[in-house]
Protein backbone atom coordinates (compact mmCIF):
# COMPACT_ATOMS: atom_id res chain seq x y z
CA UNK A 1 19.20 -158.28 88.23
CA UNK A 2 16.62 -159.49 90.68
CA UNK A 3 19.06 -161.20 92.86
CA UNK A 4 20.95 -157.75 93.42
CA UNK A 5 17.61 -155.96 94.05
CA UNK A 6 16.85 -158.92 96.83
CA UNK A 7 20.00 -157.83 98.60
CA UNK A 8 18.61 -154.38 99.05
CA UNK A 9 18.32 -153.98 103.03
CA UNK A 10 15.91 -151.63 104.73
CA UNK A 11 16.82 -149.91 108.11
CA UNK A 12 12.94 -150.03 108.91
CA UNK A 13 11.07 -153.19 109.66
CA UNK A 14 7.83 -154.29 111.36
CA UNK A 15 7.78 -155.28 115.02
CA UNK A 16 5.11 -157.65 116.49
CA UNK A 17 5.06 -155.35 119.62
CA UNK A 18 3.89 -152.38 117.98
CA UNK A 19 0.56 -150.85 117.58
CA UNK A 20 -0.51 -150.87 113.86
CA UNK A 21 -0.02 -147.72 111.75
CA UNK A 22 0.18 -147.19 108.13
CA UNK A 23 3.28 -145.38 107.68
CA UNK A 24 5.11 -144.73 110.75
CA UNK A 25 5.32 -146.58 114.22
CA UNK A 26 7.11 -146.70 117.37
CA UNK A 27 9.10 -149.41 119.06
CA UNK A 28 7.10 -150.07 122.09
CA UNK A 29 10.18 -151.48 123.91
CA UNK A 30 12.28 -148.42 123.57
CA UNK A 31 9.38 -145.68 123.68
CA UNK A 32 9.03 -144.97 127.43
CA UNK A 33 7.21 -141.84 128.99
CA UNK A 34 9.46 -138.98 127.53
CA UNK A 35 6.57 -137.40 125.42
CA UNK A 36 9.27 -135.44 123.47
CA UNK A 37 7.85 -136.48 120.29
CA UNK A 38 4.45 -135.25 121.33
CA UNK A 39 6.18 -131.91 122.36
CA UNK A 40 7.96 -131.58 118.97
CA UNK A 41 4.87 -132.56 116.83
CA UNK A 42 3.41 -129.65 115.12
CA UNK A 43 -0.19 -131.08 115.01
CA UNK A 44 -0.23 -133.24 118.20
CA UNK A 45 -0.92 -136.49 115.97
CA UNK A 46 0.45 -138.87 118.68
CA UNK A 47 -1.40 -140.44 121.53
CA UNK A 48 -0.16 -142.32 124.45
CA UNK A 49 -1.57 -145.74 125.92
CA UNK A 50 0.30 -147.24 128.76
CA UNK A 51 3.14 -144.74 128.52
CA UNK A 52 3.84 -145.66 124.86
CA UNK A 53 3.51 -143.41 121.98
CA UNK A 54 1.30 -144.16 118.88
CA UNK A 55 0.70 -142.37 115.69
CA UNK A 56 -2.81 -140.94 115.08
CA UNK A 57 -3.00 -141.71 111.19
CA UNK A 58 -5.70 -139.36 110.31
CA UNK A 59 -4.00 -136.58 112.28
CA UNK A 60 -0.62 -136.96 111.26
CA UNK A 61 0.94 -134.90 108.35
CA UNK A 62 4.05 -137.10 107.99
CA UNK A 63 6.56 -134.45 108.63
CA UNK A 64 8.83 -137.08 110.16
CA UNK A 65 9.99 -134.61 112.74
CA UNK A 66 9.45 -137.03 115.55
CA UNK A 67 11.95 -139.26 114.07
CA UNK A 68 14.71 -136.66 114.34
CA UNK A 69 13.73 -135.75 118.05
CA UNK A 70 13.19 -139.25 119.37
CA UNK A 71 16.03 -139.79 121.98
CA UNK A 72 15.53 -143.62 121.79
CA UNK A 73 15.56 -144.02 117.98
CA UNK A 74 11.96 -145.66 118.47
CA UNK A 75 10.63 -144.58 115.17
CA UNK A 76 10.00 -147.17 112.54
CA UNK A 77 8.94 -146.25 108.75
CA UNK A 78 7.20 -148.81 106.77
CA UNK A 79 8.99 -149.70 103.52
CA UNK A 80 7.81 -150.65 100.05
CA UNK A 81 11.01 -152.55 99.23
CA UNK A 82 9.18 -156.17 99.28
CA UNK A 83 6.64 -154.73 96.91
CA UNK A 84 9.24 -153.38 94.46
CA UNK A 85 11.01 -156.67 94.61
CA UNK A 86 7.78 -158.58 93.68
CA UNK A 87 6.88 -156.20 90.70
CA UNK A 88 10.65 -156.73 89.20
CA UNK A 89 10.35 -160.32 90.04
CA UNK A 90 7.14 -160.49 88.07
CA UNK A 91 8.73 -158.78 85.07
CA UNK A 92 6.63 -155.59 85.28
CA UNK A 93 7.89 -152.53 83.67
CA UNK A 94 9.29 -150.49 86.79
CA UNK A 95 10.35 -147.07 86.30
CA UNK A 96 12.10 -145.13 88.91
CA UNK A 97 11.44 -141.23 89.61
CA UNK A 98 14.34 -140.15 91.68
CA UNK A 99 14.19 -136.93 93.56
CA UNK A 100 16.97 -134.25 92.78
CA UNK A 101 18.23 -134.42 96.34
CA UNK A 102 20.08 -137.71 95.49
CA UNK A 103 23.00 -135.47 94.73
CA UNK A 104 23.63 -134.61 98.34
CA UNK A 105 22.34 -137.92 99.84
CA UNK A 106 24.45 -140.11 97.76
CA UNK A 107 27.46 -137.89 97.11
CA UNK A 108 27.18 -137.67 93.32
CA UNK A 109 27.60 -134.87 90.75
CA UNK A 110 25.66 -136.64 87.94
CA UNK A 111 22.45 -138.87 87.63
CA UNK A 112 24.21 -141.44 85.45
CA UNK A 113 25.65 -143.72 88.15
CA UNK A 114 22.21 -144.10 90.10
CA UNK A 115 20.27 -144.64 86.73
CA UNK A 116 22.81 -147.34 85.76
CA UNK A 117 22.51 -148.85 89.14
CA UNK A 118 18.77 -149.07 89.13
CA UNK A 119 18.79 -150.57 85.63
CA UNK A 120 21.28 -152.94 86.73
CA UNK A 121 18.87 -154.12 89.56
CA UNK A 122 16.09 -154.59 87.33
CA UNK A 123 14.38 -151.34 86.90
CA UNK A 124 13.20 -150.65 83.33
CA UNK A 125 14.26 -147.06 83.56
CA UNK A 126 15.15 -144.21 85.80
CA UNK A 127 14.54 -140.43 85.54
CA UNK A 128 14.84 -137.47 87.68
CA UNK A 129 11.64 -136.18 89.26
CA UNK A 130 12.90 -132.60 88.25
CA UNK A 131 11.34 -133.42 84.88
CA UNK A 132 7.83 -133.30 86.44
CA UNK A 133 9.15 -130.18 88.60
CA UNK A 134 9.84 -128.21 85.35
CA UNK A 135 6.16 -128.73 84.34
CA UNK A 136 4.87 -127.52 87.75
CA UNK A 137 6.93 -124.47 87.37
CA UNK A 138 5.21 -123.75 84.00
CA UNK A 139 2.03 -124.36 85.60
CA UNK A 140 2.59 -122.07 88.32
CA UNK A 141 3.88 -119.36 85.90
CA UNK A 142 0.55 -119.53 83.85
CA UNK A 143 -1.56 -119.10 87.00
CA UNK A 144 0.43 -116.29 88.43
CA UNK A 145 0.16 -114.32 85.19
CA UNK A 146 -3.54 -114.21 85.43
CA UNK A 147 -3.22 -112.48 88.70
CA UNK A 148 -6.31 -113.96 89.97
CA UNK A 149 -4.96 -115.53 93.27
CA UNK A 150 -4.94 -113.07 96.01
CA UNK A 151 -1.96 -115.18 97.52
CA UNK A 152 -0.11 -118.11 96.03
CA UNK A 153 0.99 -121.23 98.08
CA UNK A 154 3.07 -123.66 96.22
CA UNK A 155 1.74 -127.32 96.33
CA UNK A 156 5.10 -129.32 95.83
CA UNK A 157 5.44 -130.37 99.64
CA UNK A 158 2.67 -132.99 100.43
CA UNK A 159 3.14 -132.47 104.06
CA UNK A 160 2.40 -128.85 103.77
CA UNK A 161 -0.58 -129.50 101.46
CA UNK A 162 -2.03 -131.89 104.19
CA UNK A 163 -1.37 -129.43 106.77
CA UNK A 164 -3.39 -126.68 104.88
CA UNK A 165 -6.18 -129.37 103.94
CA UNK A 166 -6.70 -130.64 107.59
CA UNK A 167 -5.69 -127.74 109.95
CA UNK A 168 -5.82 -124.59 107.97
CA UNK A 169 -8.72 -124.73 105.35
CA UNK A 170 -9.03 -121.02 105.37
CA UNK A 171 -5.62 -121.21 103.12
CA UNK A 172 -7.20 -123.54 100.61
CA UNK A 173 -8.26 -120.86 98.20
CA UNK A 174 -4.44 -119.87 98.03
CA UNK A 175 -3.01 -123.39 97.51
CA UNK A 176 -1.94 -123.77 93.80
CA UNK A 177 -4.38 -126.31 92.10
CA UNK A 178 -1.27 -128.23 90.65
CA UNK A 179 0.14 -131.74 91.11
CA UNK A 180 3.32 -131.98 93.01
CA UNK A 181 6.53 -132.82 91.07
CA UNK A 182 6.25 -136.47 91.98
CA UNK A 183 2.67 -136.91 90.45
CA UNK A 184 3.49 -134.62 87.49
CA UNK A 185 6.49 -136.73 86.38
CA UNK A 186 4.38 -140.00 87.02
CA UNK A 187 1.73 -138.41 84.59
CA UNK A 188 4.43 -138.02 81.99
CA UNK A 189 5.84 -141.40 82.41
CA UNK A 190 2.41 -142.98 82.28
CA UNK A 191 1.63 -140.97 79.19
CA UNK A 192 4.85 -142.74 77.51
CA UNK A 193 4.58 -145.99 79.12
CA UNK A 194 1.00 -146.81 80.02
CA UNK A 195 1.84 -150.30 81.54
CA UNK A 196 4.60 -148.90 83.67
CA UNK A 197 4.87 -149.20 87.32
CA UNK A 198 6.16 -145.83 88.92
CA UNK A 199 8.53 -146.05 92.08
CA UNK A 200 9.54 -142.87 93.48
CA UNK A 201 12.85 -142.66 95.53
CA UNK A 202 13.52 -139.66 97.64
CA UNK A 203 13.93 -138.24 101.22
CA UNK A 204 10.08 -137.62 101.84
CA UNK A 205 8.04 -139.66 104.28
CA UNK A 206 4.93 -137.81 103.32
CA UNK A 207 5.25 -138.93 99.69
CA UNK A 208 4.01 -142.44 100.90
CA UNK A 209 0.63 -141.16 101.78
CA UNK A 210 0.48 -139.04 98.44
CA UNK A 211 1.31 -142.10 96.52
CA UNK A 212 -1.27 -144.06 98.13
CA UNK A 213 -4.00 -141.46 97.86
CA UNK A 214 -3.17 -140.66 94.13
CA UNK A 215 -3.15 -144.17 92.72
CA UNK A 216 -0.63 -142.91 90.25
CA UNK A 217 2.57 -144.31 92.24
CA UNK A 218 3.03 -148.00 92.75
CA UNK A 219 5.62 -147.63 95.59
CA UNK A 220 7.76 -145.09 97.43
CA UNK A 221 11.37 -146.02 98.55
CA UNK A 222 12.98 -143.43 100.90
CA UNK A 223 16.85 -142.84 100.62
CA UNK A 224 17.25 -144.09 104.12
CA UNK A 225 15.88 -147.45 102.85
CA UNK A 226 18.99 -147.81 100.54
CA UNK A 227 22.69 -148.32 101.81
CA UNK A 228 24.85 -146.77 99.34
CA UNK A 229 28.59 -145.96 99.36
CA UNK A 230 30.98 -144.01 96.89
CA UNK A 231 28.18 -144.03 94.05
CA UNK A 232 30.66 -142.40 91.62
CA UNK A 233 32.60 -145.50 91.42
CA UNK A 234 30.54 -148.47 92.67
CA UNK A 235 27.46 -148.75 94.71
CA UNK A 236 27.24 -151.34 97.71
CA UNK A 237 23.68 -152.16 97.93
CA UNK A 238 23.15 -154.73 100.84
CA UNK A 239 26.34 -157.04 100.62
CA UNK A 240 26.53 -156.91 96.76
CA UNK A 241 28.69 -154.35 94.93
CA UNK A 242 27.21 -153.37 91.56
CA UNK A 243 29.67 -151.76 89.20
CA UNK A 244 28.23 -149.86 85.92
CA UNK A 245 29.61 -148.72 82.72
CA UNK A 246 29.82 -145.15 81.74
CA UNK A 247 26.79 -143.66 80.03
CA UNK A 248 26.62 -140.74 77.69
CA UNK A 249 25.15 -138.17 79.98
CA UNK A 250 24.18 -135.88 77.15
CA UNK A 251 21.71 -138.31 76.02
CA UNK A 252 20.08 -138.30 79.29
CA UNK A 253 20.06 -134.61 79.88
CA UNK A 254 16.77 -133.55 78.56
CA UNK A 255 16.18 -131.67 81.85
CA UNK A 256 18.73 -128.87 82.41
CA UNK A 257 16.41 -126.38 83.89
CA UNK A 258 16.73 -124.95 87.35
CA UNK A 259 13.81 -127.12 88.39
CA UNK A 260 16.65 -129.53 89.69
CA UNK A 261 17.02 -127.14 92.69
CA UNK A 262 13.68 -127.74 94.09
CA UNK A 263 15.03 -129.47 97.03
CA UNK A 264 16.81 -126.45 98.67
CA UNK A 265 14.95 -123.51 100.17
CA UNK A 266 13.98 -121.03 97.48
CA UNK A 267 14.43 -123.77 94.83
CA UNK A 268 11.07 -123.25 93.31
CA UNK A 269 11.44 -119.41 93.08
CA UNK A 270 14.67 -120.02 91.55
CA UNK A 271 13.30 -122.24 88.74
CA UNK A 272 11.42 -119.39 87.03
CA UNK A 273 13.43 -117.89 84.14
CA UNK A 274 11.45 -114.74 84.95
CA UNK A 275 9.43 -114.19 87.91
CA UNK A 276 5.70 -112.96 87.04
CA UNK A 277 5.02 -109.47 88.32
CA UNK A 278 2.51 -108.56 91.00
CA UNK A 279 3.72 -110.83 93.84
CA UNK A 280 6.16 -110.79 96.66
CA UNK A 281 8.21 -114.01 96.51
CA UNK A 282 9.21 -115.69 99.61
CA UNK A 283 10.22 -119.11 100.88
CA UNK A 284 8.90 -120.38 104.05
CA UNK A 285 10.21 -123.73 105.56
CA UNK A 286 9.92 -125.65 108.78
CA UNK A 287 6.61 -126.66 110.24
CA UNK A 288 6.55 -123.83 112.87
CA UNK A 289 7.02 -121.06 110.37
CA UNK A 290 4.49 -122.60 107.97
CA UNK A 291 1.65 -122.78 110.60
CA UNK A 292 2.46 -118.97 111.55
CA UNK A 293 2.14 -117.80 107.96
CA UNK A 294 -1.15 -120.01 107.54
CA UNK A 295 -2.55 -118.76 110.69
CA UNK A 296 -2.25 -115.22 109.29
CA UNK A 297 -2.84 -115.81 105.71
CA UNK A 298 -5.88 -113.83 105.33
CA UNK A 299 -3.86 -110.83 106.49
CA UNK A 300 -1.69 -110.97 103.38
CA UNK A 301 -2.11 -110.10 99.91
CA UNK A 302 0.05 -110.40 96.78
CA UNK A 303 2.36 -112.86 98.51
CA UNK A 304 3.92 -116.00 96.61
CA UNK A 305 4.79 -118.53 99.35
CA UNK A 306 7.17 -121.33 98.59
CA UNK A 307 6.14 -123.66 101.31
CA UNK A 308 8.20 -126.52 102.68
CA UNK A 309 7.43 -128.54 105.92
CA UNK A 310 11.03 -129.53 106.21
CA UNK A 311 13.49 -126.90 107.60
CA UNK A 312 16.01 -125.95 104.71
CA UNK A 313 14.03 -127.95 102.08
CA UNK A 314 13.72 -131.57 100.88
CA UNK A 315 17.49 -132.12 101.35
CA UNK A 316 16.76 -132.08 105.03
CA UNK A 317 13.84 -134.48 104.77
CA UNK A 318 13.10 -137.25 107.45
CA UNK A 319 14.45 -140.06 105.48
CA UNK A 320 17.46 -138.44 103.62
CA UNK A 321 21.14 -138.99 103.93
CA UNK A 322 22.91 -135.90 104.96
CA UNK A 323 26.55 -135.64 103.85
CA UNK A 324 29.49 -134.67 106.35
CA UNK A 325 29.08 -130.98 106.66
CA UNK A 326 25.27 -131.15 107.24
CA UNK A 327 22.55 -129.24 105.46
CA UNK A 328 24.75 -126.29 104.59
CA UNK A 329 27.13 -128.74 102.61
CA UNK A 330 24.04 -130.34 100.98
CA UNK A 331 22.80 -127.09 99.81
CA UNK A 332 26.19 -126.27 98.14
CA UNK A 333 26.35 -129.67 96.51
CA UNK A 334 22.83 -129.31 95.03
CA UNK A 335 23.23 -125.78 93.87
CA UNK A 336 26.70 -126.71 92.26
CA UNK A 337 25.05 -129.63 90.40
CA UNK A 338 22.26 -127.34 89.06
CA UNK A 339 24.76 -124.79 87.71
CA UNK A 340 27.07 -127.30 86.41
CA UNK A 341 24.41 -129.03 84.43
CA UNK A 342 23.28 -125.80 82.88
CA UNK A 343 26.95 -124.81 82.04
CA UNK A 344 27.71 -128.38 80.59
CA UNK A 345 24.58 -128.60 78.32
CA UNK A 346 23.38 -125.11 77.69
CA UNK A 347 21.58 -126.14 74.59
CA UNK A 348 20.48 -129.56 75.60
CA UNK A 349 17.05 -128.70 77.15
CA UNK A 350 14.12 -128.32 74.74
CA UNK A 351 10.56 -127.63 75.99
CA UNK A 352 8.44 -130.53 75.74
CA UNK A 353 4.83 -130.88 74.57
CA UNK A 354 2.21 -133.00 76.33
CA UNK A 355 -1.43 -133.63 76.54
CA UNK A 356 -1.11 -134.43 80.14
CA UNK A 357 -3.13 -132.40 82.74
CA UNK A 358 -1.14 -131.38 85.76
CA UNK A 359 -4.20 -129.96 87.48
CA UNK A 360 -4.74 -131.25 91.10
CA UNK A 361 -7.32 -130.41 93.65
CA UNK A 362 -6.90 -130.29 97.34
CA UNK A 363 -10.21 -130.79 99.25
CA UNK A 364 -10.34 -130.18 102.90
CA UNK A 365 -9.68 -133.29 105.08
CA UNK A 366 -11.55 -133.88 108.30
CA UNK A 367 -10.11 -136.11 111.00
CA UNK A 368 -12.03 -138.15 113.62
CA UNK A 369 -11.14 -135.78 116.48
CA UNK A 370 -14.02 -133.93 118.03
CA UNK A 371 -14.30 -130.67 119.82
CA UNK A 372 -14.77 -130.51 123.61
CA UNK A 373 -17.36 -128.46 125.25
CA UNK A 374 -16.29 -126.12 128.01
CA UNK A 375 -17.89 -128.14 130.73
CA UNK A 376 -16.02 -131.23 129.54
CA UNK A 377 -12.58 -129.29 129.68
CA UNK A 378 -13.45 -128.22 133.17
CA UNK A 379 -14.18 -131.46 134.38
CA UNK A 380 -10.91 -132.78 133.09
CA UNK A 381 -9.04 -130.00 134.67
CA UNK A 382 -10.69 -130.72 137.84
CA UNK A 383 -9.48 -134.43 137.61
CA UNK A 384 -6.08 -132.82 137.21
CA UNK A 385 -6.35 -130.70 140.32
CA UNK A 386 -6.75 -127.59 138.40
CA UNK A 387 -9.69 -125.55 139.99
CA UNK A 388 -8.24 -122.07 139.12
CA UNK A 389 -6.71 -120.24 136.20
CA UNK A 390 -3.64 -120.02 138.44
CA UNK A 391 -3.46 -123.83 138.52
CA UNK A 392 -3.22 -123.91 134.94
CA UNK A 393 0.53 -123.78 134.63
CA UNK A 394 0.70 -124.48 130.76
CA UNK A 395 4.19 -126.01 131.25
CA UNK A 396 3.95 -128.15 128.22
CA UNK A 397 5.80 -131.08 130.13
CA UNK A 398 2.98 -133.37 128.81
CA UNK A 399 3.65 -132.27 125.23
CA UNK A 400 0.68 -130.10 124.96
CA UNK A 401 0.94 -126.23 124.72
CA UNK A 402 -1.71 -125.65 127.37
CA UNK A 403 -3.52 -127.39 130.09
CA UNK A 404 -6.83 -127.09 128.25
CA UNK A 405 -5.32 -128.54 125.16
CA UNK A 406 -4.17 -131.52 127.24
CA UNK A 407 -7.73 -131.72 128.51
CA UNK A 408 -9.07 -131.93 124.94
CA UNK A 409 -6.65 -134.70 124.16
CA UNK A 410 -8.00 -136.55 127.43
CA UNK A 411 -11.54 -136.25 126.18
CA UNK A 412 -10.41 -137.61 122.76
CA UNK A 413 -8.64 -140.51 124.32
CA UNK A 414 -5.14 -139.39 123.04
CA UNK A 415 -3.81 -138.63 126.50
CA UNK A 416 -4.13 -139.73 130.32
CA UNK A 417 -4.73 -137.44 133.07
CA UNK A 418 -1.45 -138.74 134.60
CA UNK A 419 0.55 -137.37 131.86
CA UNK A 420 0.47 -134.20 133.77
CA UNK A 421 3.90 -133.78 135.43
CA UNK A 422 2.80 -131.20 138.04
CA UNK A 423 -0.26 -133.10 138.67
CA UNK A 424 1.76 -136.33 139.32
CA UNK A 425 4.45 -134.71 141.19
CA UNK A 426 1.83 -132.97 143.52
CA UNK A 427 0.08 -136.08 143.97
CA UNK A 428 3.22 -138.20 144.80
CA UNK A 429 4.60 -135.55 147.16
CA UNK A 430 1.19 -135.32 148.79
CA UNK A 431 1.03 -139.13 149.04
CA UNK A 432 4.53 -139.32 150.33
CA UNK A 433 4.01 -136.48 152.81
CA UNK A 434 0.91 -138.05 154.05
CA UNK A 435 2.59 -141.38 154.40
CA UNK A 436 5.50 -139.96 156.17
CA UNK A 437 3.85 -137.50 158.47
CA UNK A 438 1.05 -139.95 159.48
CA UNK A 439 3.30 -142.76 160.07
CA UNK A 440 2.93 -144.50 163.35
CA UNK A 441 6.74 -144.71 163.41
CA UNK A 442 9.05 -141.76 163.77
CA UNK A 443 10.91 -140.62 160.68
CA UNK A 444 13.96 -138.24 161.04
CA UNK A 445 16.51 -137.15 158.51
CA UNK A 446 19.98 -136.34 159.52
CA UNK A 447 22.76 -134.77 157.38
CA UNK A 448 26.45 -135.13 157.35
CA UNK A 449 26.96 -132.74 160.20
CA UNK A 450 24.62 -134.92 162.34
CA UNK A 451 22.06 -132.00 162.40
CA UNK A 452 18.24 -132.99 161.93
CA UNK A 453 16.98 -132.00 158.44
CA UNK A 454 13.40 -133.07 159.03
CA UNK A 455 11.12 -135.18 161.18
CA UNK A 456 7.59 -136.28 161.16
CA UNK A 457 5.00 -135.57 163.88
CA UNK A 458 5.75 -138.94 165.63
CA UNK A 459 9.53 -138.51 165.72
CA UNK A 460 8.81 -134.98 167.04
CA UNK A 461 6.60 -136.35 169.90
CA UNK A 462 9.36 -139.04 170.61
CA UNK A 463 12.15 -136.61 170.91
CA UNK A 464 10.03 -134.02 172.97
CA UNK A 465 9.91 -131.43 170.49
CA UNK A 466 7.02 -129.13 170.98
CA UNK A 467 6.02 -125.83 169.35
CA UNK A 468 6.93 -124.61 165.85
CA UNK A 469 8.76 -127.54 164.03
CA UNK A 470 10.80 -125.28 162.13
CA UNK A 471 12.75 -124.15 165.21
CA UNK A 472 13.99 -127.70 165.55
CA UNK A 473 15.30 -128.09 161.95
CA UNK A 474 19.21 -128.12 162.00
CA UNK A 475 19.53 -128.66 165.73
CA UNK A 476 22.19 -131.08 166.52
CA UNK A 477 20.66 -134.76 166.95
CA UNK A 478 23.11 -135.06 170.01
CA UNK A 479 20.78 -132.66 171.73
CA UNK A 480 18.18 -135.48 172.08
CA UNK A 481 20.23 -138.73 172.35
CA UNK A 482 23.67 -139.87 171.61
CA UNK A 483 24.44 -139.57 167.71
CA UNK A 484 27.42 -142.08 167.77
CA UNK A 485 25.30 -144.59 165.86
CA UNK A 486 24.42 -142.16 163.22
CA UNK A 487 27.94 -140.95 162.92
CA UNK A 488 29.20 -144.54 162.25
CA UNK A 489 26.39 -144.91 159.79
CA UNK A 490 27.31 -142.05 157.87
CA UNK A 491 31.09 -142.40 158.00
CA UNK A 492 30.79 -146.01 156.82
CA UNK A 493 28.23 -145.41 154.48
CA UNK A 494 26.09 -148.37 155.67
CA UNK A 495 22.85 -149.31 157.49
CA UNK A 496 22.76 -149.96 161.12
CA UNK A 497 20.36 -151.09 163.79
CA UNK A 498 20.21 -149.65 167.11
CA UNK A 499 18.19 -151.14 170.01
CA UNK A 500 16.94 -149.54 173.14
CA UNK A 501 18.12 -145.99 172.49
CA UNK A 502 17.09 -144.17 175.42
CA UNK A 503 15.94 -140.54 175.02
CA UNK A 504 16.38 -138.70 178.08
CA UNK A 505 13.90 -135.74 177.40
CA UNK A 506 10.78 -138.02 177.37
CA UNK A 507 12.34 -141.00 179.16
CA UNK A 508 11.24 -143.24 176.16
CA UNK A 509 13.31 -146.15 174.58
CA UNK A 510 13.28 -146.52 170.74
CA UNK A 511 14.63 -148.92 168.27
CA UNK A 512 16.08 -147.13 165.26
CA UNK A 513 16.88 -148.49 161.74
CA UNK A 514 19.52 -146.06 160.28
CA UNK A 515 19.76 -146.11 156.51
CA UNK A 516 22.51 -144.23 154.60
CA UNK A 517 21.15 -142.61 151.40
CA UNK A 518 23.94 -142.44 149.05
CA UNK A 519 22.46 -140.21 146.32
CA UNK A 520 21.36 -137.49 148.73
CA UNK A 521 24.38 -138.23 151.11
CA UNK A 522 21.89 -138.11 154.02
CA UNK A 523 20.69 -140.61 157.01
CA UNK A 524 17.24 -141.84 157.20
CA UNK A 525 16.12 -142.94 160.53
CA UNK A 526 13.05 -144.86 161.32
CA UNK A 527 12.19 -145.01 165.01
CA UNK A 528 9.81 -147.41 166.83
CA UNK A 529 8.80 -146.47 170.31
CA UNK A 530 9.65 -149.67 172.40
CA UNK A 531 9.06 -147.94 175.76
CA UNK A 532 6.06 -150.22 176.76
CA UNK A 533 8.14 -153.25 175.69
CA UNK A 534 10.92 -152.17 177.84
CA UNK A 535 8.79 -151.19 180.74
CA UNK A 536 7.16 -154.57 180.60
CA UNK A 537 10.64 -156.28 180.51
CA UNK A 538 11.78 -154.36 183.44
CA UNK A 539 8.53 -155.40 185.34
CA UNK A 540 9.05 -158.82 184.42
CA UNK A 541 12.79 -158.67 185.40
CA UNK A 542 11.63 -157.23 188.74
CA UNK A 543 9.09 -159.76 189.31
CA UNK A 544 11.63 -162.48 188.37
CA UNK A 545 13.98 -160.92 190.93
CA UNK A 546 11.39 -160.98 193.48
CA UNK A 547 10.43 -164.57 192.76
CA UNK A 548 13.85 -165.70 193.07
CA UNK A 549 14.41 -163.88 196.41
CA UNK A 550 11.08 -165.24 197.67
CA UNK A 551 12.25 -168.59 196.49
CA UNK A 552 15.48 -168.37 198.29
CA UNK A 553 13.86 -167.30 201.33
CA UNK A 554 11.44 -170.29 201.22
CA UNK A 555 14.39 -172.48 200.64
CA UNK A 556 16.35 -171.19 203.44
CA UNK A 557 13.40 -171.43 205.76
CA UNK A 558 12.69 -175.11 204.73
CA UNK A 559 16.35 -175.87 205.26
CA UNK A 560 16.13 -174.39 208.71
CA UNK A 561 12.95 -176.30 209.60
CA UNK A 562 14.42 -179.35 208.40
CA UNK A 563 17.51 -178.91 210.37
CA UNK A 564 15.39 -178.11 213.40
CA UNK A 565 13.33 -181.18 212.82
CA UNK A 566 16.54 -183.13 212.43
CA UNK A 567 17.90 -181.77 215.70
CA UNK A 568 14.69 -182.60 217.43
CA UNK A 569 14.62 -186.06 215.98
CA UNK A 570 18.22 -186.62 217.04
CA UNK A 571 17.44 -185.83 220.61
CA UNK A 572 14.46 -188.01 220.74
CA UNK A 573 16.10 -190.75 219.18
CA UNK A 574 18.99 -190.49 221.64
CA UNK A 575 16.72 -190.56 224.52
CA UNK A 576 14.56 -193.28 223.22
CA UNK A 577 17.83 -195.31 222.61
CA UNK A 578 18.82 -194.72 226.16
CA UNK A 579 15.47 -195.53 227.56
CA UNK A 580 15.30 -198.70 225.44
CA UNK A 581 18.81 -199.90 226.54
CA UNK A 582 17.97 -199.35 230.26
CA UNK A 583 14.79 -201.30 229.70
CA UNK A 584 16.67 -204.16 227.90
CA UNK A 585 19.15 -204.28 230.85
CA UNK A 586 16.53 -204.27 233.37
CA UNK A 587 14.82 -207.11 231.51
CA UNK A 588 17.99 -209.26 231.11
CA UNK A 589 18.78 -208.75 234.91
CA UNK A 590 15.39 -209.90 235.82
CA UNK A 591 15.65 -212.97 233.53
CA UNK A 592 19.05 -213.89 235.16
CA UNK A 593 17.54 -214.04 238.62
CA UNK A 594 14.69 -216.47 237.69
CA UNK A 595 17.12 -218.86 236.34
CA UNK A 596 19.14 -218.92 239.42
CA UNK A 597 16.14 -219.89 241.37
């Protein structure tokens, strides 16, 4: 048995990367700046740090709505499965109290299969929570017949109870001082089994806190924590199929009252055999409708309000398993179950007697949030660039209904100024505009028709645009310089570098980096003025040419001088040669004459 239970698997586990919260957490890896859970949270019990959501425990009413709306499935519910396993392993008498919505969650038409399954897995026993619900209806009947309550709000839903205790204390006088069906059932079971450990199994997340605060419930398992298939024949819990024998349903059908219909809208009202006179009976479900009623409760008189925080009742709880066909199908299945039970065992129900007290008080609850003074609110609004009432757009993009509510959240540390989308957009646009329009380089945007879409002041100066900038928008780029390179960049969808583009209107030269923006299908041109560089290069080239010319002249002159010198030297050498030869000849003649003598 214990081995079977050990194979239970939970869809919810803790992560070391999460902020600590007692009942519900967010996966930090998946939670990314969408604020959708905050927008949908009826009591704004979610704070943001570094763009990631965190539950504010003392503000949360555990309606679980954030679980349904999270687009990233980033919500994690803390499970009590390990605790239940330990209790069974230690040999404790563990009794399950199973919410009536098991019918629609597990596709059953009888409690017998799930009762036997739980016994096979080590539970001492299992009963329907509807047994406690029957006593709750009886208590309501007694109070209603006194006629002492101006209005009457049912106390079956722990989420609705918390909503009243914390946010609508003006409605506390009208909240029935009666325990919920879960606690009523636990008291009955404790009367019969004083040493028992009660484990509630149902679709409700708020039951976890109610169980913790009451001290009467040892653990709470949600339907989502159980993996079940085809319970009418066998149950696959984890990887282990657990068959079960048939049980005499009649022996376990001590509850055939209509209290089994509590999980659906008007189920509480339908559980009365006869409705006490003097009240108008109505069912209110869904957090928004509940809050609307509670805000105006003082304006009502003689109204019985069956209040459920989940739209369509407990069958649509945050941890339920809806059948194919959704909530409507679930309603049909549960209503059919109640009718079939009464038709099958018309005489099986016998009123119980008990010494158990079902009274329960619901005191006002205070959270750690503080009110903010008008001056504090104004200071935060100024930080968000909201200086006049017209600046307060109240767009709710941040998750809060008004800009002032957002300012209150900032003061309490639940939100950052940067969570304001219009503020951040304006800031980003302002910064981008400042960067672009004050850039020392020219910025120009050109569309597929090669018309100018926009240009900053530097680009306009480079192109010779003067006057109203708007009159230059949609002008052909070719009016200012050749657009051939832009055409190539657009047609080939690639980036190009253009060097020394001449602009005839201003006699400037620019280097242009052309970028094709695929998503926008537009060309982004960044122009750098290189006129001075080109002028310098031209001067340098002119100087180089002059230098070469001068050098050529000097060389030519030198060659000419050399030639002239060479010519003169040639003539002189010849003359000298002649003179020397004559002198030699003369000397030779004189020497011959002396020898003759």
